[in-house]
Amino acid sequence: MADVTAYQKMLSEFMKWQKSNEKEYVDLWELINTKKATYKDAQRYSKVVADKWSRLLQKYLGVDADIKGLTPKEIEKCIENVLRRCYANSSYYSSKVQEVINDSVNINVKAVEGTIDKSRIDNLIEKLRNGEDIANDVLITTENMWLIEEGVVENISMSAVTDTIEANAKLHTDAGLTSYIERKQGSGGCCDWCSSVAGRFVYGEQPRDFFKIHKHCNCVINYMPSRQRWQKITYSTDAQGNRRKNTQDM
């Protein structure tokens, strides 16, 4: 199918780029290998891969690309494949960051990856359809080209980082560990909305929409589990009538 061919061309070029020893990409993986990576690095990684995927989308599907033979439906599928792959790239790296963090505090729990919210992709495709030039059978036009440009793809990619943070914080909290999450402004400050949800919280007590990000968001969201466990405290009375305190790690 034509959409598979277009996507495979992009995927092949992306994989060649991964092996090209591009400095920033290599440096980010070196941080994983040396166990120095943080979620700030995961956010950097998400922007690096998003930039590459966005350039590929514009190269192969943009208004100046030769897309003869591609129907809007095939282009939609191609874009969906790219966004899913971009998300997977970022969530995988983020899970590796979580492994580094777990090791640093001696938590023997396997890190998990975030799960993509398909509605994010569906909403993007719907916006493309709303701008479709049906008469000419064209999906991507100069008016809606911004939908496959760097900022939008970056948002999908960065959401993989926050989804992975949330998934691991929930996993550790459910296991009885204390999970601290933090959101603070990055370089260049942040908007009023981001400021309203910024701060350090025990997971589960954070503001609503704490994990949400917007286009070109510079907030840094971090997570650090603790080996401290919640304790269940009960009291019992022995045969002599003495009241005893019982603690149980949860």
C-alpha atoms as a PDB file:
ATOM      1  CA  MET A   1       0.000   0.000   0.000  1.00  0.00           C
ATOM      2  CA  ALA A   2       1.151   3.557  -0.713  1.00  0.00           C
ATOM      3  CA  ASP A   3       0.894   4.699   2.908  1.00  0.00           C
ATOM      4  CA  VAL A   4       3.071   1.791   4.037  1.00  0.00           C
ATOM      5  CA  THR A   5       5.681   2.731   1.437  1.00  0.00           C
ATOM      6  CA  ALA A   6       5.730   6.376   2.557  1.00  0.00           C
ATOM      7  CA  TYR A   7       5.980   5.394   6.230  1.00  0.00           C
ATOM      8  CA  GLN A   8       8.657   2.780   5.537  1.00  0.00           C
ATOM      9  CA  LYS A   9      10.737   5.410   3.741  1.00  0.00           C
ATOM     10  CA  MET A  10      10.502   7.678   6.772  1.00  0.00           C
ATOM     11  CA  LEU A  11      11.220   4.846   9.178  1.00  0.00           C
ATOM     12  CA  SER A  12      14.257   3.758   7.172  1.00  0.00           C
ATOM     13  CA  GLU A  13      15.616   7.304   7.161  1.00  0.00           C
ATOM     14  CA  PHE A  14      14.963   7.662  10.893  1.00  0.00           C
ATOM     15  CA  MET A  15      16.807   4.433  11.670  1.00  0.00           C
ATOM     16  CA  LYS A  16      19.777   5.568   9.575  1.00  0.00           C
ATOM     17  CA  TRP A  17      19.785   8.808  11.559  1.00  0.00           C
ATOM     18  CA  GLN A  18      19.817   6.814  14.808  1.00  0.00           C
ATOM     19  CA  LYS A  19      23.001   5.068  13.651  1.00  0.00           C
ATOM     20  CA  SER A  20      24.666   8.215  12.320  1.00  0.00           C
ATOM     21  CA  ASN A  21      26.306   9.156  15.632  1.00  0.00           C
ATOM     22  CA  GLU A  22      24.495  12.501  15.759  1.00  0.00           C
ATOM     23  CA  LYS A  23      26.100  14.076  18.837  1.00  0.00           C
ATOM     24  CA  GLU A  24      23.093  15.093  20.928  1.00  0.00           C
ATOM     25  CA  TYR A  25      21.372  11.746  20.325  1.00  0.00           C
ATOM     26  CA  VAL A  26      24.525   9.807  21.242  1.00  0.00           C
ATOM     27  CA  ASP A  27      25.150  11.959  24.329  1.00  0.00           C
ATOM     28  CA  LEU A  28      21.632  11.322  25.620  1.00  0.00           C
ATOM     29  CA  TRP A  29      22.067   7.563  25.354  1.00  0.00           C
ATOM     30  CA  GLU A  30      25.466   7.832  27.025  1.00  0.00           C
ATOM     31  CA  LEU A  31      23.700   9.332  30.043  1.00  0.00           C
ATOM     32  CA  ILE A  32      21.575   6.173  30.217  1.00  0.00           C
ATOM     33  CA  ASN A  33      24.616   3.909  29.895  1.00  0.00           C
ATOM     34  CA  THR A  34      26.492   5.778  32.636  1.00  0.00           C
ATOM     35  CA  LYS A  35      23.367   5.883  34.841  1.00  0.00           C
ATOM     36  CA  LYS A  36      23.301   9.678  34.992  1.00  0.00           C
ATOM     37  CA  ALA A  37      20.082  10.313  33.048  1.00  0.00           C
ATOM     38  CA  THR A  38      17.154  12.211  34.568  1.00  0.00           C
ATOM     39  CA  TYR A  39      13.663  13.020  33.339  1.00  0.00           C
ATOM     40  CA  LYS A  40      14.996  16.392  32.213  1.00  0.00           C
ATOM     41  CA  ASP A  41      17.148  14.410  29.778  1.00  0.00           C
ATOM     42  CA  ALA A  42      14.080  12.396  28.745  1.00  0.00           C
ATOM     43  CA  GLN A  43      12.339  15.641  27.838  1.00  0.00           C
ATOM     44  CA  ARG A  44      15.375  16.711  25.811  1.00  0.00           C
ATOM     45  CA  TYR A  45      15.331  13.339  24.065  1.00  0.00           C
ATOM     46  CA  SER A  46      11.634  13.671  23.263  1.00  0.00           C
ATOM     47  CA  LYS A  47      12.302  17.022  21.569  1.00  0.00           C
ATOM     48  CA  VAL A  48      15.243  15.640  19.567  1.00  0.00           C
ATOM     49  CA  VAL A  49      13.277  12.712  18.128  1.00  0.00           C
ATOM     50  CA  ALA A  50      10.189  14.876  17.579  1.00  0.00           C
ATOM     51  CA  ASP A  51      12.244  17.321  15.541  1.00  0.00           C
ATOM     52  CA  LYS A  52      13.549  14.492  13.350  1.00  0.00           C
ATOM     53  CA  TRP A  53      10.124  12.919  12.811  1.00  0.00           C
ATOM     54  CA  SER A  54       8.586  16.303  12.054  1.00  0.00           C
ATOM     55  CA  ARG A  55      11.215  17.000   9.395  1.00  0.00           C
ATOM     56  CA  LEU A  56      10.498  13.610   7.835  1.00  0.00           C
ATOM     57  CA  LEU A  57       6.750  14.277   7.797  1.00  0.00           C
ATOM     58  CA  GLN A  58       7.310  17.576   6.052  1.00  0.00           C
ATOM     59  CA  LYS A  59       9.764  16.018   3.608  1.00  0.00           C
ATOM     60  CA  TYR A  60       7.490  13.174   2.539  1.00  0.00           C
ATOM     61  CA  LEU A  61       3.988  14.570   3.139  1.00  0.00           C
ATOM     62  CA  GLY A  62       4.357  18.352   3.177  1.00  0.00           C
ATOM     63  CA  VAL A  63       2.938  20.752   0.617  1.00  0.00           C
ATOM     64  CA  ASP A  64       6.124  20.584  -1.461  1.00  0.00           C
ATOM     65  CA  ALA A  65       6.374  16.784  -1.359  1.00  0.00           C
ATOM     66  CA  ASP A  66       5.480  14.505  -4.258  1.00  0.00           C
ATOM     67  CA  ILE A  67       2.506  12.589  -2.854  1.00  0.00           C
ATOM     68  CA  LYS A  68       0.893  11.497  -6.099  1.00  0.00           C
ATOM     69  CA  GLY A  69      -1.099   8.331  -5.590  1.00  0.00           C
ATOM     70  CA  LEU A  70      -1.605   8.954  -1.864  1.00  0.00           C
ATOM     71  CA  THR A  71      -5.221   9.359  -0.799  1.00  0.00           C
ATOM     72  CA  PRO A  72      -6.137  11.390   2.298  1.00  0.00           C
ATOM     73  CA  LYS A  73      -6.938   8.122   4.099  1.00  0.00           C
ATOM     74  CA  GLU A  74      -3.484   6.760   3.336  1.00  0.00           C
ATOM     75  CA  ILE A  75      -1.849   9.979   4.500  1.00  0.00           C
ATOM     76  CA  GLU A  76      -3.845   9.806   7.745  1.00  0.00           C
ATOM     77  CA  LYS A  77      -2.563   6.283   8.396  1.00  0.00           C
ATOM     78  CA  CYS A  78       1.000   7.333   7.632  1.00  0.00           C
ATOM     79  CA  ILE A  79       0.808  10.254  10.064  1.00  0.00           C
ATOM     80  CA  GLU A  80      -0.694   7.992  12.730  1.00  0.00           C
ATOM     81  CA  ASN A  81       2.163   5.491  12.276  1.00  0.00           C
ATOM     82  CA  VAL A  82       4.760   8.254  12.626  1.00  0.00           C
ATOM     83  CA  LEU A  83       3.193   9.721  15.758  1.00  0.00           C
ATOM     84  CA  ARG A  84       2.905   6.292  17.361  1.00  0.00           C
ATOM     85  CA  ARG A  85       6.549   5.553  16.567  1.00  0.00           C
ATOM     86  CA  CYS A  86       7.663   8.939  17.892  1.00  0.00           C
ATOM     87  CA  TYR A  87       5.716   8.323  21.108  1.00  0.00           C
ATOM     88  CA  ALA A  88       7.250   4.851  21.412  1.00  0.00           C
ATOM     89  CA  ASN A  89      10.767   6.262  20.987  1.00  0.00           C
ATOM     90  CA  SER A  90      10.232   8.739  23.818  1.00  0.00           C
ATOM     91  CA  SER A  91       8.403   6.385  26.190  1.00  0.00           C
ATOM     92  CA  TYR A  92      11.133   3.756  25.788  1.00  0.00           C
ATOM     93  CA  TYR A  93      13.901   6.230  26.629  1.00  0.00           C
ATOM     94  CA  SER A  94      11.831   7.508  29.567  1.00  0.00           C
ATOM     95  CA  SER A  95      11.462   3.982  30.941  1.00  0.00           C
ATOM     96  CA  LYS A  96      15.244   3.645  30.774  1.00  0.00           C
ATOM     97  CA  VAL A  97      15.522   6.854  32.793  1.00  0.00           C
ATOM     98  CA  GLN A  98      13.155   5.349  35.350  1.00  0.00           C
ATOM     99  CA  GLU A  99      15.380   2.266  35.565  1.00  0.00           C
ATOM    100  CA  VAL A 100      18.316   4.550  36.390  1.00  0.00           C
ATOM    101  CA  ILE A 101      16.253   6.267  39.092  1.00  0.00           C
ATOM    102  CA  ASN A 102      15.021   2.977  40.541  1.00  0.00           C
ATOM    103  CA  ASP A 103      18.582   1.661  40.750  1.00  0.00           C
ATOM    104  CA  SER A 104      19.751   4.856  42.467  1.00  0.00           C
ATOM    105  CA  VAL A 105      17.354   4.290  45.377  1.00  0.00           C
ATOM    106  CA  ASN A 106      17.639   0.477  45.358  1.00  0.00           C
ATOM    107  CA  ILE A 107      14.087  -0.191  44.250  1.00  0.00           C
ATOM    108  CA  ASN A 108      13.859  -3.531  42.513  1.00  0.00           C
ATOM    109  CA  VAL A 109      10.781  -2.776  40.430  1.00  0.00           C
ATOM    110  CA  LYS A 110      10.759  -3.008  36.650  1.00  0.00           C
ATOM    111  CA  ALA A 111      10.103   0.351  35.015  1.00  0.00           C
ATOM    112  CA  VAL A 112       7.075   0.616  32.746  1.00  0.00           C
ATOM    113  CA  GLU A 113       6.414   2.742  29.678  1.00  0.00           C
ATOM    114  CA  GLY A 114       3.579   5.196  29.208  1.00  0.00           C
ATOM    115  CA  THR A 115       0.546   4.264  27.115  1.00  0.00           C
ATOM    116  CA  ILE A 116      -0.462   6.550  24.275  1.00  0.00           C
ATOM    117  CA  ASP A 117      -3.829   8.256  24.409  1.00  0.00           C
ATOM    118  CA  LYS A 118      -5.215   7.536  20.939  1.00  0.00           C
ATOM    119  CA  SER A 119      -7.566  10.493  21.198  1.00  0.00           C
ATOM    120  CA  ARG A 120      -4.548  12.806  20.833  1.00  0.00           C
ATOM    121  CA  ILE A 121      -3.858  11.362  17.399  1.00  0.00           C
ATOM    122  CA  ASP A 122      -7.543  11.230  16.482  1.00  0.00           C
ATOM    123  CA  ASN A 123      -7.899  14.929  17.342  1.00  0.00           C
ATOM    124  CA  LEU A 124      -4.943  15.812  15.130  1.00  0.00           C
ATOM    125  CA  ILE A 125      -6.326  13.813  12.212  1.00  0.00           C
ATOM    126  CA  GLU A 126      -9.724  15.450  12.681  1.00  0.00           C
ATOM    127  CA  LYS A 127      -8.123  18.894  12.456  1.00  0.00           C
ATOM    128  CA  LEU A 128      -6.452  17.831   9.216  1.00  0.00           C
ATOM    129  CA  ARG A 129      -9.782  16.657   7.841  1.00  0.00           C
ATOM    130  CA  ASN A 130     -11.408  19.974   8.699  1.00  0.00           C
ATOM    131  CA  GLY A 131      -8.892  21.713   6.485  1.00  0.00           C
ATOM    132  CA  GLU A 132      -9.073  19.172   3.673  1.00  0.00           C
ATOM    133  CA  ASP A 133      -9.421  20.329   0.074  1.00  0.00           C
ATOM    134  CA  ILE A 134     -11.807  17.566  -0.942  1.00  0.00           C
ATOM    135  CA  ALA A 135     -12.176  18.780  -4.526  1.00  0.00           C
ATOM    136  CA  ASN A 136      -8.478  18.246  -5.165  1.00  0.00           C
ATOM    137  CA  ASP A 137      -8.242  15.172  -2.960  1.00  0.00           C
ATOM    138  CA  VAL A 138      -5.589  16.893  -0.815  1.00  0.00           C
ATOM    139  CA  LEU A 139      -5.289  16.419   2.960  1.00  0.00           C
ATOM    140  CA  ILE A 140      -2.307  18.626   3.859  1.00  0.00           C
ATOM    141  CA  THR A 141      -2.436  22.220   2.619  1.00  0.00           C
ATOM    142  CA  THR A 142      -0.564  25.436   3.341  1.00  0.00           C
ATOM    143  CA  GLU A 143      -3.356  26.312   5.793  1.00  0.00           C
ATOM    144  CA  ASN A 144      -3.021  23.191   7.948  1.00  0.00           C
ATOM    145  CA  MET A 145       0.655  22.399   7.384  1.00  0.00           C
ATOM    146  CA  TRP A 146       1.348  23.540  10.953  1.00  0.00           C
ATOM    147  CA  LEU A 147      -0.359  20.371  12.227  1.00  0.00           C
ATOM    148  CA  ILE A 148       2.606  18.200  11.198  1.00  0.00           C
ATOM    149  CA  GLU A 149       5.250  20.744  12.109  1.00  0.00           C
ATOM    150  CA  GLU A 150       7.642  20.439  15.020  1.00  0.00           C
ATOM    151  CA  GLY A 151       5.514  21.926  17.818  1.00  0.00           C
ATOM    152  CA  VAL A 152       2.598  19.516  17.420  1.00  0.00           C
ATOM    153  CA  VAL A 153       4.760  16.416  16.969  1.00  0.00           C
ATOM    154  CA  GLU A 154       6.839  17.545  19.955  1.00  0.00           C
ATOM    155  CA  ASN A 155       3.735  17.695  22.117  1.00  0.00           C
ATOM    156  CA  ILE A 156       2.919  14.059  21.313  1.00  0.00           C
ATOM    157  CA  SER A 157       6.521  13.088  22.002  1.00  0.00           C
ATOM    158  CA  MET A 158       6.723  14.967  25.316  1.00  0.00           C
ATOM    159  CA  SER A 159       3.445  13.450  26.469  1.00  0.00           C
ATOM    160  CA  ALA A 160       5.215  10.072  26.359  1.00  0.00           C
ATOM    161  CA  VAL A 161       7.569  11.341  29.065  1.00  0.00           C
ATOM    162  CA  THR A 162       4.824  12.582  31.384  1.00  0.00           C
ATOM    163  CA  ASP A 163       2.738   9.444  30.745  1.00  0.00           C
ATOM    164  CA  THR A 164       5.737   7.311  31.735  1.00  0.00           C
ATOM    165  CA  ILE A 165       6.305   9.364  34.891  1.00  0.00           C
ATOM    166  CA  GLU A 166       2.655   8.979  35.860  1.00  0.00           C
ATOM    167  CA  ALA A 167       2.614   5.239  35.110  1.00  0.00           C
ATOM    168  CA  ASN A 168       5.649   4.574  37.306  1.00  0.00           C
ATOM    169  CA  ALA A 169       4.490   6.864  40.110  1.00  0.00           C
ATOM    170  CA  LYS A 170       1.189   4.991  40.193  1.00  0.00           C
ATOM    171  CA  LEU A 171       2.940   1.619  40.073  1.00  0.00           C
ATOM    172  CA  HIS A 172       5.151   2.489  43.037  1.00  0.00           C
ATOM    173  CA  THR A 173       2.331   4.064  45.012  1.00  0.00           C
ATOM    174  CA  ASP A 174       0.200   0.960  44.504  1.00  0.00           C
ATOM    175  CA  ALA A 175       3.161  -1.074  45.813  1.00  0.00           C
ATOM    176  CA  GLY A 176       3.155   1.018  48.995  1.00  0.00           C
ATOM    177  CA  LEU A 177       6.102   3.282  48.220  1.00  0.00           C
ATOM    178  CA  THR A 178       6.025   7.025  48.708  1.00  0.00           C
ATOM    179  CA  SER A 179       6.095   8.759  45.329  1.00  0.00           C
ATOM    180  CA  TYR A 180       7.029  12.410  44.947  1.00  0.00           C
ATOM    181  CA  ILE A 181       6.342  14.284  41.730  1.00  0.00           C
ATOM    182  CA  GLU A 182       7.487  17.786  40.893  1.00  0.00           C
ATOM    183  CA  ARG A 183       6.688  20.304  38.189  1.00  0.00           C
ATOM    184  CA  LYS A 184       8.808  23.421  37.840  1.00  0.00           C
ATOM    185  CA  GLN A 185       9.472  26.007  35.184  1.00  0.00           C
ATOM    186  CA  GLY A 186      12.176  25.371  32.628  1.00  0.00           C
ATOM    187  CA  SER A 187      14.404  27.851  30.865  1.00  0.00           C
ATOM    188  CA  GLY A 188      12.598  31.011  29.819  1.00  0.00           C
ATOM    189  CA  GLY A 189       9.967  30.789  32.546  1.00  0.00           C
ATOM    190  CA  CYS A 190       6.453  29.441  32.151  1.00  0.00           C
ATOM    191  CA  CYS A 191       2.923  30.642  31.540  1.00  0.00           C
ATOM    192  CA  ASP A 192       0.317  31.454  34.201  1.00  0.00           C
ATOM    193  CA  TRP A 193      -1.465  28.129  33.659  1.00  0.00           C
ATOM    194  CA  CYS A 194       1.723  26.120  34.198  1.00  0.00           C
ATOM    195  CA  SER A 195       2.509  28.169  37.304  1.00  0.00           C
ATOM    196  CA  SER A 196      -0.886  27.242  38.740  1.00  0.00           C
ATOM    197  CA  VAL A 197      -0.082  23.503  38.670  1.00  0.00           C
ATOM    198  CA  ALA A 198       3.631  23.747  39.535  1.00  0.00           C
ATOM    199  CA  GLY A 199       5.080  22.442  42.790  1.00  0.00           C
ATOM    200  CA  ARG A 200       6.136  19.256  44.577  1.00  0.00           C
ATOM    201  CA  PHE A 201       3.467  16.774  45.639  1.00  0.00           C
ATOM    202  CA  VAL A 202       2.968  13.265  46.910  1.00  0.00           C
ATOM    203  CA  TYR A 203       1.551  11.355  43.950  1.00  0.00           C
ATOM    204  CA  GLY A 204      -2.223  11.330  44.187  1.00  0.00           C
ATOM    205  CA  GLU A 205      -2.349  14.763  45.843  1.00  0.00           C
ATOM    206  CA  GLN A 206      -1.233  16.788  42.801  1.00  0.00           C
ATOM    207  CA  PRO A 207      -3.513  19.367  41.132  1.00  0.00           C
ATOM    208  CA  ARG A 208      -5.806  18.261  38.374  1.00  0.00           C
ATOM    209  CA  ASP A 209      -4.052  18.378  34.989  1.00  0.00           C
ATOM    210  CA  PHE A 210      -0.626  18.330  36.694  1.00  0.00           C
ATOM    211  CA  PHE A 211       0.747  16.091  33.925  1.00  0.00           C
ATOM    212  CA  LYS A 212      -0.708  18.036  30.998  1.00  0.00           C
ATOM    213  CA  ILE A 213       1.599  19.965  28.693  1.00  0.00           C
ATOM    214  CA  HIS A 214       0.942  22.446  25.916  1.00  0.00           C
ATOM    215  CA  LYS A 215       2.679  23.317  22.667  1.00  0.00           C
ATOM    216  CA  HIS A 216       6.280  24.467  23.275  1.00  0.00           C
ATOM    217  CA  CYS A 217       5.893  23.834  27.024  1.00  0.00           C
ATOM    218  CA  ASN A 218       9.177  24.328  28.906  1.00  0.00           C
ATOM    219  CA  CYS A 219       8.091  22.893  32.249  1.00  0.00           C
ATOM    220  CA  VAL A 220      10.258  20.173  33.758  1.00  0.00           C
ATOM    221  CA  ILE A 221       8.291  17.342  35.351  1.00  0.00           C
ATOM    222  CA  ASN A 222      10.293  15.010  37.557  1.00  0.00           C
ATOM    223  CA  TYR A 223       9.646  11.978  39.698  1.00  0.00           C
ATOM    224  CA  MET A 224      11.629  10.392  42.494  1.00  0.00           C
ATOM    225  CA  PRO A 225      10.340   7.323  44.347  1.00  0.00           C
ATOM    226  CA  SER A 226      11.320   6.733  47.949  1.00  0.00           C
ATOM    227  CA  ARG A 227      11.977   3.476  49.750  1.00  0.00           C
ATOM    228  CA  GLN A 228       9.868   4.849  52.568  1.00  0.00           C
ATOM    229  CA  ARG A 229       6.669   2.830  52.743  1.00  0.00           C
ATOM    230  CA  TRP A 230       3.267   3.705  54.043  1.00  0.00           C
ATOM    231  CA  GLN A 231       2.582   1.890  57.301  1.00  0.00           C
ATOM    232  CA  LYS A 232      -0.678   0.398  58.423  1.00  0.00           C
ATOM    233  CA  ILE A 233      -1.031   0.858  62.179  1.00  0.00           C
ATOM    234  CA  THR A 234      -3.404  -1.262  64.227  1.00  0.00           C
ATOM    235  CA  TYR A 235      -3.798  -1.936  67.928  1.00  0.00           C
ATOM    236  CA  SER A 236      -4.495  -5.195  69.734  1.00  0.00           C
ATOM    237  CA  THR A 237      -4.878  -6.350  73.313  1.00  0.00           C
ATOM    238  CA  ASP A 238      -2.904  -9.301  74.650  1.00  0.00           C
ATOM    239  CA  ALA A 239      -4.106 -11.887  77.160  1.00  0.00           C
ATOM    240  CA  GLN A 240      -2.970  -9.700  80.044  1.00  0.00           C
ATOM    241  CA  GLY A 241      -5.027  -6.766  78.791  1.00  0.00           C
ATOM    242  CA  ASN A 242      -2.042  -4.779  77.551  1.00  0.00           C
ATOM    243  CA  ARG A 243      -2.659  -2.642  74.446  1.00  0.00           C
ATOM    244  CA  ARG A 244      -0.046  -3.189  71.725  1.00  0.00           C
ATOM    245  CA  LYS A 245       0.753  -1.157  68.640  1.00  0.00           C
ATOM    246  CA  ASN A 246       1.236  -3.165  65.451  1.00  0.00           C
ATOM    247  CA  THR A 247       2.810  -1.735  62.288  1.00  0.00           C
ATOM    248  CA  GLN A 248       2.783  -3.288  58.852  1.00  0.00           C
ATOM    249  CA  ASP A 249       4.606  -1.981  55.793  1.00  0.00           C
ATOM    250  CA  MET A 250       2.187  -1.579  52.907  1.00  0.00           C
END
